[in-house]
Amino acid sequence: MNIEKATLENAIDIANIEKICFPPAEAANLESIKQRINTFRNQFFILVDNSKIIGFINGMVTDIENLNDEMYENASLHNENGKWQMIFGIDILPEYQNKGYAGMLMRHFIENAKNENRKGVVLTCKEKLLSFYEHFGFSNEGISQSEHGGGCWYQMRLIF
């Protein structure tokens, strides 16, 4: 397994994984994936197994403290020198889930944010994933203002 920065050549595979891992109302489309890679490639990583992309993690950097829905659609809000690393999604193909690969990506992403001197990492997640993120040191800040995809989201924060 290798963790690499995503490239535009990976965009179709990434968008296909996104469609598998998230319902249509929550999944980023191909154009959004391309925009994210172009805008914050330094914070967009893929997990590769024998030249096959099996998962990815990504998110913009900003001085805004809380993740909001506009960030998902507007990559121009990215500020490479921002204090907070957001996580928009961590996707692993179903046949590779529950094998520690999401943890590999998460640890890599957190370490990258530390190396870039961020103040911390912020994400939103569904209730069933709270304990997964708490395992990495994230604190649950309660129900998020996010209405992304119509779901109930919890904001999680890891401060370095």
N, C-alpha and C. Protein backbone atom coordinates (compact mmCIF):
# COMPACT_ATOMS: atom_id res chain seq x y z
N MET A 1 0.84 -1.19 0.00
CA MET A 1 0.00 0.00 0.00
C MET A 1 0.88 1.24 0.00
N ASN A 2 0.53 2.18 -0.87
CA ASN A 2 1.23 3.46 -0.93
C ASN A 2 0.24 4.59 -0.79
N ILE A 3 0.63 5.64 -0.08
CA ILE A 3 -0.16 6.86 -0.01
C ILE A 3 0.54 7.88 -0.88
N GLU A 4 -0.22 8.46 -1.82
CA GLU A 4 0.31 9.41 -2.78
C GLU A 4 -0.61 10.61 -2.89
N LYS A 5 -0.07 11.74 -3.38
CA LYS A 5 -0.93 12.88 -3.68
C LYS A 5 -1.75 12.56 -4.92
N ALA A 6 -3.00 12.95 -4.90
CA ALA A 6 -3.88 12.72 -6.05
C ALA A 6 -3.47 13.62 -7.21
N THR A 7 -3.72 13.14 -8.42
CA THR A 7 -3.52 13.93 -9.63
C THR A 7 -4.82 13.94 -10.42
N LEU A 8 -4.90 14.82 -11.40
CA LEU A 8 -6.11 14.87 -12.24
C LEU A 8 -6.35 13.55 -12.95
N GLU A 9 -5.29 12.81 -13.25
CA GLU A 9 -5.43 11.50 -13.89
C GLU A 9 -6.17 10.51 -13.00
N ASN A 10 -6.20 10.76 -11.69
CA ASN A 10 -6.90 9.90 -10.73
C ASN A 10 -8.36 10.28 -10.54
N ALA A 11 -8.79 11.40 -11.09
CA ALA A 11 -10.10 11.98 -10.77
C ALA A 11 -11.27 11.04 -11.06
N ILE A 12 -11.27 10.35 -12.17
CA ILE A 12 -12.39 9.46 -12.49
C ILE A 12 -12.47 8.32 -11.50
N ASP A 13 -11.34 7.69 -11.18
CA ASP A 13 -11.34 6.61 -10.19
C ASP A 13 -11.82 7.11 -8.83
N ILE A 14 -11.36 8.30 -8.44
CA ILE A 14 -11.76 8.88 -7.16
C ILE A 14 -13.27 9.14 -7.14
N ALA A 15 -13.79 9.74 -8.22
CA ALA A 15 -15.23 10.02 -8.29
C ALA A 15 -16.05 8.73 -8.23
N ASN A 16 -15.55 7.67 -8.84
CA ASN A 16 -16.26 6.38 -8.79
C ASN A 16 -16.28 5.81 -7.37
N ILE A 17 -15.17 5.94 -6.65
CA ILE A 17 -15.12 5.49 -5.26
C ILE A 17 -16.09 6.31 -4.42
N GLU A 18 -16.12 7.61 -4.66
CA GLU A 18 -17.02 8.51 -3.92
C GLU A 18 -18.48 8.08 -4.12
N LYS A 19 -18.85 7.72 -5.35
CA LYS A 19 -20.23 7.28 -5.64
C LYS A 19 -20.57 5.99 -4.89
N ILE A 20 -19.58 5.13 -4.72
CA ILE A 20 -19.80 3.86 -4.01
C ILE A 20 -19.95 4.09 -2.51
N CYS A 21 -19.16 5.02 -1.97
CA CYS A 21 -19.08 5.20 -0.52
C CYS A 21 -20.12 6.17 0.07
N PHE A 22 -20.67 7.04 -0.74
CA PHE A 22 -21.62 8.03 -0.23
C PHE A 22 -22.90 8.02 -1.04
N PRO A 23 -24.04 8.32 -0.41
CA PRO A 23 -25.29 8.44 -1.15
C PRO A 23 -25.20 9.62 -2.12
N PRO A 24 -26.01 9.61 -3.19
CA PRO A 24 -25.94 10.68 -4.20
C PRO A 24 -26.03 12.10 -3.63
N ALA A 25 -26.83 12.31 -2.62
CA ALA A 25 -26.99 13.66 -2.06
C ALA A 25 -25.73 14.14 -1.34
N GLU A 26 -24.84 13.23 -0.96
CA GLU A 26 -23.64 13.58 -0.22
C GLU A 26 -22.36 13.48 -1.05
N ALA A 27 -22.38 12.70 -2.12
CA ALA A 27 -21.17 12.42 -2.90
C ALA A 27 -20.73 13.61 -3.74
N ALA A 28 -19.44 13.86 -3.75
CA ALA A 28 -18.88 14.88 -4.64
C ALA A 28 -18.86 14.32 -6.06
N ASN A 29 -19.19 15.17 -7.02
CA ASN A 29 -19.17 14.72 -8.42
C ASN A 29 -17.77 14.89 -9.02
N LEU A 30 -17.61 14.42 -10.25
CA LEU A 30 -16.31 14.44 -10.91
C LEU A 30 -15.75 15.86 -11.00
N GLU A 31 -16.56 16.83 -11.36
CA GLU A 31 -16.06 18.20 -11.49
C GLU A 31 -15.59 18.75 -10.15
N SER A 32 -16.32 18.43 -9.09
CA SER A 32 -15.91 18.86 -7.76
C SER A 32 -14.59 18.21 -7.36
N ILE A 33 -14.44 16.93 -7.66
CA ILE A 33 -13.18 16.21 -7.37
C ILE A 33 -12.02 16.88 -8.11
N LYS A 34 -12.22 17.18 -9.39
CA LYS A 34 -11.16 17.83 -10.18
C LYS A 34 -10.80 19.19 -9.58
N GLN A 35 -11.82 19.96 -9.20
CA GLN A 35 -11.58 21.27 -8.62
C GLN A 35 -10.78 21.15 -7.32
N ARG A 36 -11.12 20.16 -6.51
CA ARG A 36 -10.40 19.94 -5.25
C ARG A 36 -8.94 19.57 -5.51
N ILE A 37 -8.71 18.66 -6.44
CA ILE A 37 -7.32 18.26 -6.75
C ILE A 37 -6.53 19.46 -7.25
N ASN A 38 -7.13 20.26 -8.13
CA ASN A 38 -6.44 21.44 -8.65
C ASN A 38 -6.16 22.47 -7.57
N THR A 39 -7.05 22.60 -6.60
CA THR A 39 -6.95 23.67 -5.61
C THR A 39 -6.17 23.27 -4.37
N PHE A 40 -6.40 22.07 -3.87
CA PHE A 40 -5.67 21.66 -2.65
C PHE A 40 -5.07 20.27 -2.79
N ARG A 41 -4.25 20.12 -3.83
CA ARG A 41 -3.58 18.84 -4.08
C ARG A 41 -2.68 18.44 -2.91
N ASN A 42 -2.12 19.41 -2.21
CA ASN A 42 -1.25 19.10 -1.07
C ASN A 42 -2.01 18.48 0.10
N GLN A 43 -3.34 18.52 0.03
CA GLN A 43 -4.18 17.95 1.07
C GLN A 43 -5.18 16.93 0.48
N PHE A 44 -4.78 16.28 -0.58
CA PHE A 44 -5.64 15.28 -1.23
C PHE A 44 -4.79 14.04 -1.51
N PHE A 45 -5.03 12.99 -0.73
CA PHE A 45 -4.20 11.79 -0.80
C PHE A 45 -5.01 10.57 -1.21
N ILE A 46 -4.38 9.72 -2.01
CA ILE A 46 -4.98 8.45 -2.42
C ILE A 46 -4.19 7.31 -1.80
N LEU A 47 -4.89 6.20 -1.56
CA LEU A 47 -4.27 4.97 -1.08
C LEU A 47 -4.28 3.99 -2.24
N VAL A 48 -3.10 3.50 -2.62
CA VAL A 48 -2.94 2.68 -3.81
C VAL A 48 -2.45 1.28 -3.42
N ASP A 49 -3.12 0.28 -3.97
CA ASP A 49 -2.74 -1.12 -3.79
C ASP A 49 -2.45 -1.71 -5.16
N ASN A 50 -1.18 -1.97 -5.45
CA ASN A 50 -0.79 -2.52 -6.76
C ASN A 50 -1.39 -1.74 -7.91
N SER A 51 -1.22 -0.44 -7.92
CA SER A 51 -1.67 0.50 -8.95
C SER A 51 -3.19 0.71 -8.99
N LYS A 52 -3.92 0.14 -8.03
CA LYS A 52 -5.36 0.35 -7.93
C LYS A 52 -5.64 1.30 -6.77
N ILE A 53 -6.39 2.38 -7.04
CA ILE A 53 -6.78 3.30 -5.98
C ILE A 53 -7.90 2.62 -5.18
N ILE A 54 -7.66 2.45 -3.89
CA ILE A 54 -8.67 1.78 -3.05
C ILE A 54 -9.32 2.74 -2.06
N GLY A 55 -8.78 3.96 -1.97
CA GLY A 55 -9.36 4.93 -1.07
C GLY A 55 -8.67 6.27 -1.17
N PHE A 56 -9.24 7.25 -0.48
CA PHE A 56 -8.65 8.59 -0.49
C PHE A 56 -9.17 9.40 0.69
N ILE A 57 -8.48 10.51 0.96
CA ILE A 57 -8.86 11.48 1.98
C ILE A 57 -8.52 12.86 1.45
N ASN A 58 -9.36 13.84 1.76
CA ASN A 58 -9.10 15.19 1.26
C ASN A 58 -9.82 16.22 2.10
N GLY A 59 -9.37 17.46 1.96
CA GLY A 59 -10.02 18.59 2.60
C GLY A 59 -9.21 19.85 2.44
N MET A 60 -9.89 20.98 2.46
CA MET A 60 -9.22 22.26 2.28
C MET A 60 -8.61 22.75 3.59
N VAL A 61 -7.81 23.79 3.47
CA VAL A 61 -7.23 24.48 4.61
C VAL A 61 -7.85 25.88 4.65
N THR A 62 -8.14 26.35 5.86
CA THR A 62 -8.82 27.63 6.00
C THR A 62 -8.54 28.24 7.37
N ASP A 63 -8.81 29.52 7.50
CA ASP A 63 -8.77 30.17 8.81
C ASP A 63 -10.13 30.10 9.49
N ILE A 64 -11.15 29.67 8.76
CA ILE A 64 -12.49 29.52 9.33
C ILE A 64 -12.46 28.31 10.27
N GLU A 65 -12.95 28.47 11.50
CA GLU A 65 -12.81 27.44 12.52
C GLU A 65 -13.76 26.26 12.37
N ASN A 66 -14.92 26.48 11.77
CA ASN A 66 -15.92 25.43 11.67
C ASN A 66 -16.18 25.05 10.22
N LEU A 67 -16.32 23.77 9.98
CA LEU A 67 -16.60 23.28 8.63
C LEU A 67 -18.04 23.65 8.27
N ASN A 68 -18.21 24.29 7.13
CA ASN A 68 -19.56 24.64 6.69
C ASN A 68 -19.83 24.08 5.30
N ASP A 69 -21.09 24.01 4.93
CA ASP A 69 -21.49 23.37 3.68
C ASP A 69 -20.92 24.04 2.44
N GLU A 70 -20.72 25.36 2.48
CA GLU A 70 -20.18 26.05 1.31
C GLU A 70 -18.79 25.53 0.93
N MET A 71 -18.03 25.08 1.92
CA MET A 71 -16.68 24.60 1.65
C MET A 71 -16.67 23.41 0.70
N TYR A 72 -17.68 22.55 0.80
CA TYR A 72 -17.74 21.37 -0.06
C TYR A 72 -17.85 21.75 -1.54
N GLU A 73 -18.52 22.85 -1.81
CA GLU A 73 -18.80 23.25 -3.19
C GLU A 73 -17.88 24.32 -3.72
N ASN A 74 -17.18 25.02 -2.84
CA ASN A 74 -16.40 26.17 -3.26
C ASN A 74 -14.94 26.02 -2.83
N ALA A 75 -14.17 25.34 -3.66
CA ALA A 75 -12.76 25.10 -3.35
C ALA A 75 -11.96 26.39 -3.25
N SER A 76 -12.48 27.49 -3.82
CA SER A 76 -11.74 28.75 -3.77
C SER A 76 -11.65 29.30 -2.34
N LEU A 77 -12.39 28.73 -1.41
CA LEU A 77 -12.27 29.14 -0.01
C LEU A 77 -10.99 28.61 0.63
N HIS A 78 -10.29 27.73 -0.08
CA HIS A 78 -9.03 27.16 0.41
C HIS A 78 -7.99 28.27 0.58
N ASN A 79 -7.28 28.23 1.70
CA ASN A 79 -6.19 29.15 1.99
C ASN A 79 -5.00 28.30 2.41
N GLU A 80 -4.04 28.13 1.53
CA GLU A 80 -2.90 27.24 1.79
C GLU A 80 -2.19 27.57 3.10
N ASN A 81 -2.30 28.81 3.57
CA ASN A 81 -1.65 29.21 4.81
C ASN A 81 -2.61 29.23 6.00
N GLY A 82 -3.78 28.64 5.84
CA GLY A 82 -4.80 28.66 6.90
C GLY A 82 -4.40 27.88 8.14
N LYS A 83 -5.12 28.13 9.22
CA LYS A 83 -4.82 27.50 10.51
C LYS A 83 -5.45 26.12 10.65
N TRP A 84 -6.58 25.89 9.99
CA TRP A 84 -7.35 24.67 10.20
C TRP A 84 -7.38 23.80 8.96
N GLN A 85 -7.08 22.53 9.15
CA GLN A 85 -7.19 21.53 8.09
C GLN A 85 -8.58 20.90 8.19
N MET A 86 -9.38 21.04 7.16
CA MET A 86 -10.69 20.40 7.12
C MET A 86 -10.56 19.02 6.47
N ILE A 87 -11.42 18.11 6.85
CA ILE A 87 -11.52 16.83 6.17
C ILE A 87 -12.91 16.76 5.56
N PHE A 88 -12.96 16.63 4.24
CA PHE A 88 -14.24 16.53 3.53
C PHE A 88 -14.71 15.09 3.46
N GLY A 89 -13.78 14.18 3.35
CA GLY A 89 -14.18 12.79 3.25
C GLY A 89 -13.00 11.86 3.32
N ILE A 90 -13.28 10.68 3.81
CA ILE A 90 -12.33 9.59 3.77
C ILE A 90 -13.12 8.40 3.23
N ASP A 91 -12.71 7.91 2.08
CA ASP A 91 -13.44 6.85 1.38
C ASP A 91 -12.54 5.64 1.18
N ILE A 92 -13.05 4.48 1.48
CA ILE A 92 -12.35 3.22 1.24
C ILE A 92 -13.33 2.29 0.51
N LEU A 93 -12.89 1.68 -0.57
CA LEU A 93 -13.76 0.73 -1.28
C LEU A 93 -14.26 -0.33 -0.30
N PRO A 94 -15.52 -0.74 -0.43
CA PRO A 94 -16.10 -1.69 0.53
C PRO A 94 -15.29 -2.95 0.77
N GLU A 95 -14.71 -3.52 -0.26
CA GLU A 95 -13.96 -4.78 -0.08
C GLU A 95 -12.65 -4.58 0.69
N TYR A 96 -12.24 -3.33 0.91
CA TYR A 96 -11.03 -3.02 1.67
C TYR A 96 -11.33 -2.44 3.05
N GLN A 97 -12.61 -2.26 3.37
CA GLN A 97 -12.98 -1.67 4.65
C GLN A 97 -12.74 -2.64 5.80
N ASN A 98 -12.62 -2.07 6.98
CA ASN A 98 -12.40 -2.82 8.23
C ASN A 98 -11.08 -3.60 8.23
N LYS A 99 -10.09 -3.05 7.54
CA LYS A 99 -8.76 -3.66 7.49
C LYS A 99 -7.67 -2.69 7.93
N GLY A 100 -8.08 -1.53 8.46
CA GLY A 100 -7.11 -0.55 8.95
C GLY A 100 -6.67 0.49 7.93
N TYR A 101 -7.21 0.45 6.72
CA TYR A 101 -6.75 1.38 5.68
C TYR A 101 -7.23 2.81 5.92
N ALA A 102 -8.44 2.96 6.43
CA ALA A 102 -8.92 4.31 6.76
C ALA A 102 -8.02 4.92 7.84
N GLY A 103 -7.61 4.11 8.79
CA GLY A 103 -6.70 4.57 9.84
C GLY A 103 -5.36 5.00 9.28
N MET A 104 -4.86 4.25 8.30
CA MET A 104 -3.60 4.64 7.65
C MET A 104 -3.71 6.02 7.02
N LEU A 105 -4.80 6.23 6.28
CA LEU A 105 -5.01 7.53 5.63
C LEU A 105 -5.18 8.63 6.68
N MET A 106 -5.94 8.35 7.72
CA MET A 106 -6.19 9.35 8.76
C MET A 106 -4.89 9.75 9.45
N ARG A 107 -4.07 8.79 9.83
CA ARG A 107 -2.79 9.11 10.49
C ARG A 107 -1.89 9.92 9.55
N HIS A 108 -1.86 9.55 8.28
CA HIS A 108 -1.05 10.29 7.31
C HIS A 108 -1.55 11.73 7.18
N PHE A 109 -2.85 11.89 7.11
CA PHE A 109 -3.45 13.21 6.93
C PHE A 109 -3.18 14.10 8.15
N ILE A 110 -3.33 13.53 9.34
CA ILE A 110 -3.07 14.27 10.57
C ILE A 110 -1.60 14.67 10.64
N GLU A 111 -0.71 13.75 10.32
CA GLU A 111 0.72 14.05 10.33
C GLU A 111 1.07 15.15 9.32
N ASN A 112 0.44 15.09 8.15
CA ASN A 112 0.65 16.12 7.13
C ASN A 112 0.22 17.49 7.67
N ALA A 113 -0.94 17.55 8.32
CA ALA A 113 -1.43 18.81 8.88
C ALA A 113 -0.48 19.34 9.96
N LYS A 114 0.04 18.45 10.79
CA LYS A 114 1.02 18.86 11.80
C LYS A 114 2.27 19.42 11.14
N ASN A 115 2.76 18.72 10.12
CA ASN A 115 3.98 19.16 9.42
C ASN A 115 3.78 20.49 8.72
N GLU A 116 2.54 20.81 8.38
CA GLU A 116 2.23 22.10 7.74
C GLU A 116 1.90 23.17 8.78
N ASN A 117 2.11 22.85 10.05
CA ASN A 117 1.93 23.78 11.17
C ASN A 117 0.50 24.29 11.31
N ARG A 118 -0.47 23.41 11.07
CA ARG A 118 -1.87 23.78 11.29
C ARG A 118 -2.17 23.78 12.78
N LYS A 119 -3.23 24.45 13.16
CA LYS A 119 -3.67 24.46 14.55
C LYS A 119 -4.37 23.16 14.90
N GLY A 120 -4.98 22.54 13.90
CA GLY A 120 -5.68 21.28 14.12
C GLY A 120 -6.47 20.87 12.90
N VAL A 121 -7.29 19.83 13.09
CA VAL A 121 -8.08 19.23 12.01
C VAL A 121 -9.55 19.23 12.43
N VAL A 122 -10.44 19.55 11.48
CA VAL A 122 -11.87 19.59 11.74
C VAL A 122 -12.58 18.74 10.69
N LEU A 123 -13.61 18.01 11.13
CA LEU A 123 -14.41 17.21 10.21
C LEU A 123 -15.83 17.12 10.73
N THR A 124 -16.73 16.67 9.88
CA THR A 124 -18.06 16.31 10.33
C THR A 124 -18.29 14.85 9.99
N CYS A 125 -19.09 14.19 10.81
CA CYS A 125 -19.36 12.77 10.58
C CYS A 125 -20.74 12.41 11.11
N LYS A 126 -21.19 11.25 10.70
CA LYS A 126 -22.45 10.71 11.20
C LYS A 126 -22.19 10.10 12.59
N GLU A 127 -23.26 9.94 13.35
CA GLU A 127 -23.15 9.46 14.73
C GLU A 127 -22.41 8.12 14.83
N LYS A 128 -22.63 7.23 13.87
CA LYS A 128 -22.03 5.90 13.94
C LYS A 128 -20.50 5.93 13.84
N LEU A 129 -19.92 7.06 13.39
CA LEU A 129 -18.47 7.16 13.23
C LEU A 129 -17.78 7.97 14.33
N LEU A 130 -18.54 8.43 15.31
CA LEU A 130 -17.95 9.24 16.37
C LEU A 130 -16.79 8.53 17.06
N SER A 131 -16.98 7.29 17.43
CA SER A 131 -15.92 6.57 18.16
C SER A 131 -14.69 6.33 17.28
N PHE A 132 -14.90 6.14 15.98
CA PHE A 132 -13.76 5.97 15.07
C PHE A 132 -12.85 7.20 15.14
N TYR A 133 -13.42 8.39 15.05
CA TYR A 133 -12.61 9.61 15.06
C TYR A 133 -12.09 9.93 16.46
N GLU A 134 -12.85 9.61 17.49
CA GLU A 134 -12.35 9.81 18.85
C GLU A 134 -11.09 8.99 19.10
N HIS A 135 -10.98 7.84 18.44
CA HIS A 135 -9.79 6.99 18.54
C HIS A 135 -8.52 7.74 18.12
N PHE A 136 -8.65 8.72 17.24
CA PHE A 136 -7.51 9.50 16.76
C PHE A 136 -7.30 10.78 17.57
N GLY A 137 -8.12 10.96 18.60
CA GLY A 137 -7.98 12.13 19.46
C GLY A 137 -8.95 13.26 19.18
N PHE A 138 -9.87 13.06 18.24
CA PHE A 138 -10.85 14.10 17.94
C PHE A 138 -11.84 14.21 19.08
N SER A 139 -12.30 15.44 19.36
CA SER A 139 -13.34 15.70 20.35
C SER A 139 -14.64 16.01 19.62
N ASN A 140 -15.73 15.48 20.15
CA ASN A 140 -17.06 15.71 19.59
C ASN A 140 -17.55 17.06 20.08
N GLU A 141 -17.82 17.98 19.15
CA GLU A 141 -18.31 19.30 19.51
C GLU A 141 -19.84 19.40 19.37
N GLY A 142 -20.48 18.27 19.14
CA GLY A 142 -21.94 18.26 19.05
C GLY A 142 -22.44 18.34 17.61
N ILE A 143 -23.73 18.47 17.49
CA ILE A 143 -24.35 18.50 16.16
C ILE A 143 -23.89 19.73 15.41
N SER A 144 -23.43 19.49 14.19
CA SER A 144 -22.92 20.54 13.32
C SER A 144 -24.07 21.33 12.71
N GLN A 145 -23.76 22.51 12.21
CA GLN A 145 -24.74 23.30 11.47
C GLN A 145 -24.89 22.77 10.05
N SER A 146 -24.05 21.84 9.66
CA SER A 146 -24.09 21.29 8.31
C SER A 146 -25.41 20.59 8.03
N GLU A 147 -25.92 20.84 6.84
CA GLU A 147 -27.12 20.15 6.34
C GLU A 147 -26.77 19.36 5.09
N HIS A 148 -25.48 19.12 4.90
CA HIS A 148 -24.97 18.45 3.70
C HIS A 148 -25.71 17.14 3.45
N GLY A 149 -26.35 17.03 2.31
CA GLY A 149 -27.04 15.81 1.94
C GLY A 149 -28.27 15.51 2.77
N GLY A 150 -28.67 16.46 3.63
CA GLY A 150 -29.86 16.27 4.43
C GLY A 150 -29.67 15.44 5.68
N GLY A 151 -28.44 15.07 6.01
CA GLY A 151 -28.19 14.21 7.17
C GLY A 151 -27.90 15.00 8.43
N CYS A 152 -27.81 14.28 9.54
CA CYS A 152 -27.41 14.84 10.83
C CYS A 152 -25.91 14.58 11.00
N TRP A 153 -25.15 15.66 11.12
CA TRP A 153 -23.70 15.58 11.19
C TRP A 153 -23.21 16.11 12.53
N TYR A 154 -22.14 15.53 13.01
CA TYR A 154 -21.47 15.96 14.23
C TYR A 154 -20.12 16.56 13.85
N GLN A 155 -19.78 17.69 14.46
CA GLN A 155 -18.48 18.28 14.19
C GLN A 155 -17.47 17.71 15.18
N MET A 156 -16.32 17.31 14.65
CA MET A 156 -15.22 16.75 15.43
C MET A 156 -13.99 17.63 15.22
N ARG A 157 -13.19 17.80 16.29
CA ARG A 157 -12.00 18.65 16.19
C ARG A 157 -10.84 17.98 16.91
N LEU A 158 -9.68 18.05 16.27
CA LEU A 158 -8.42 17.61 16.85
C LEU A 158 -7.50 18.82 16.89
N ILE A 159 -7.09 19.23 18.08
CA ILE A 159 -6.20 20.38 18.25
C ILE A 159 -4.80 19.87 18.56
N PHE A 160 -3.82 20.40 17.87
CA PHE A 160 -2.43 19.98 18.08
C PHE A 160 -1.80 20.75 19.23
